[in-house]
């Protein structure tokens, strides 16, 4: 217990200033070992270091232990770093939102010159480009029953996996044609419908039959008809 020398108020030993008048309090009374100088609490019978008995030793004022002040400079640096990391995270999230992949499932249905059905090719088209561009990247996910089974589920997790795990080809547009570059080249005489950039929905298929040319590996070019049908859209 510390007694304030100014107002005689009793204060706890841990207090540095008087809780009543604010005056600075003296150091805590303690027993100091005369042999090794160890500062011991009042009531200690024996020095814990050299085991000298302390019963009759005079009481002394123990040196005050100064509390280390927090390093303000370090705190400022840490605060700046935290704010910087937060800003970087916000920028990343904003860019991620703006650059999110927009997928559309599409099937190309092919017919011969007599309008007889030949085959259906299935693609996952990535629309993460400016709608003013004339090329799209698409993953070929199979033909006929295989492609239909792959695109049966158009949830984003599944369709994103399809896009990442299948071979990519280009879809070129312009000059009144849409050309699927592979695996069998299909050139269709049609124009794409376009929406606004804000909707990022530039590849809008046209389900009408259009004149087309088909070029396969080692096969002569064939003339027929084709149509492009949308299956669904997903955005990650």
Foldseek 3Di string as FASTA:
>chain_A
DFAAPPPRDDDDQPDQADPPPRHGTFADKFFADPPPRDTHHPPDQAPPPPGHGGPPGDIDGDDDDDDDDDDVVVVVVVVVVVVVVVVVVVVVVVVCVLQWWKKWKKKKWWAAAVRHTDWIWIWIWTLRDQLVDFKTKIFTQDIDPRRCVQPVDPEPVSSVVSRVPGDIFMWGDDPQWTWTCDPKIKIWRHHADQDDRVVSPNGDWDQDKTWMWIGHVPDDIGTHIMGMDIDDMYID
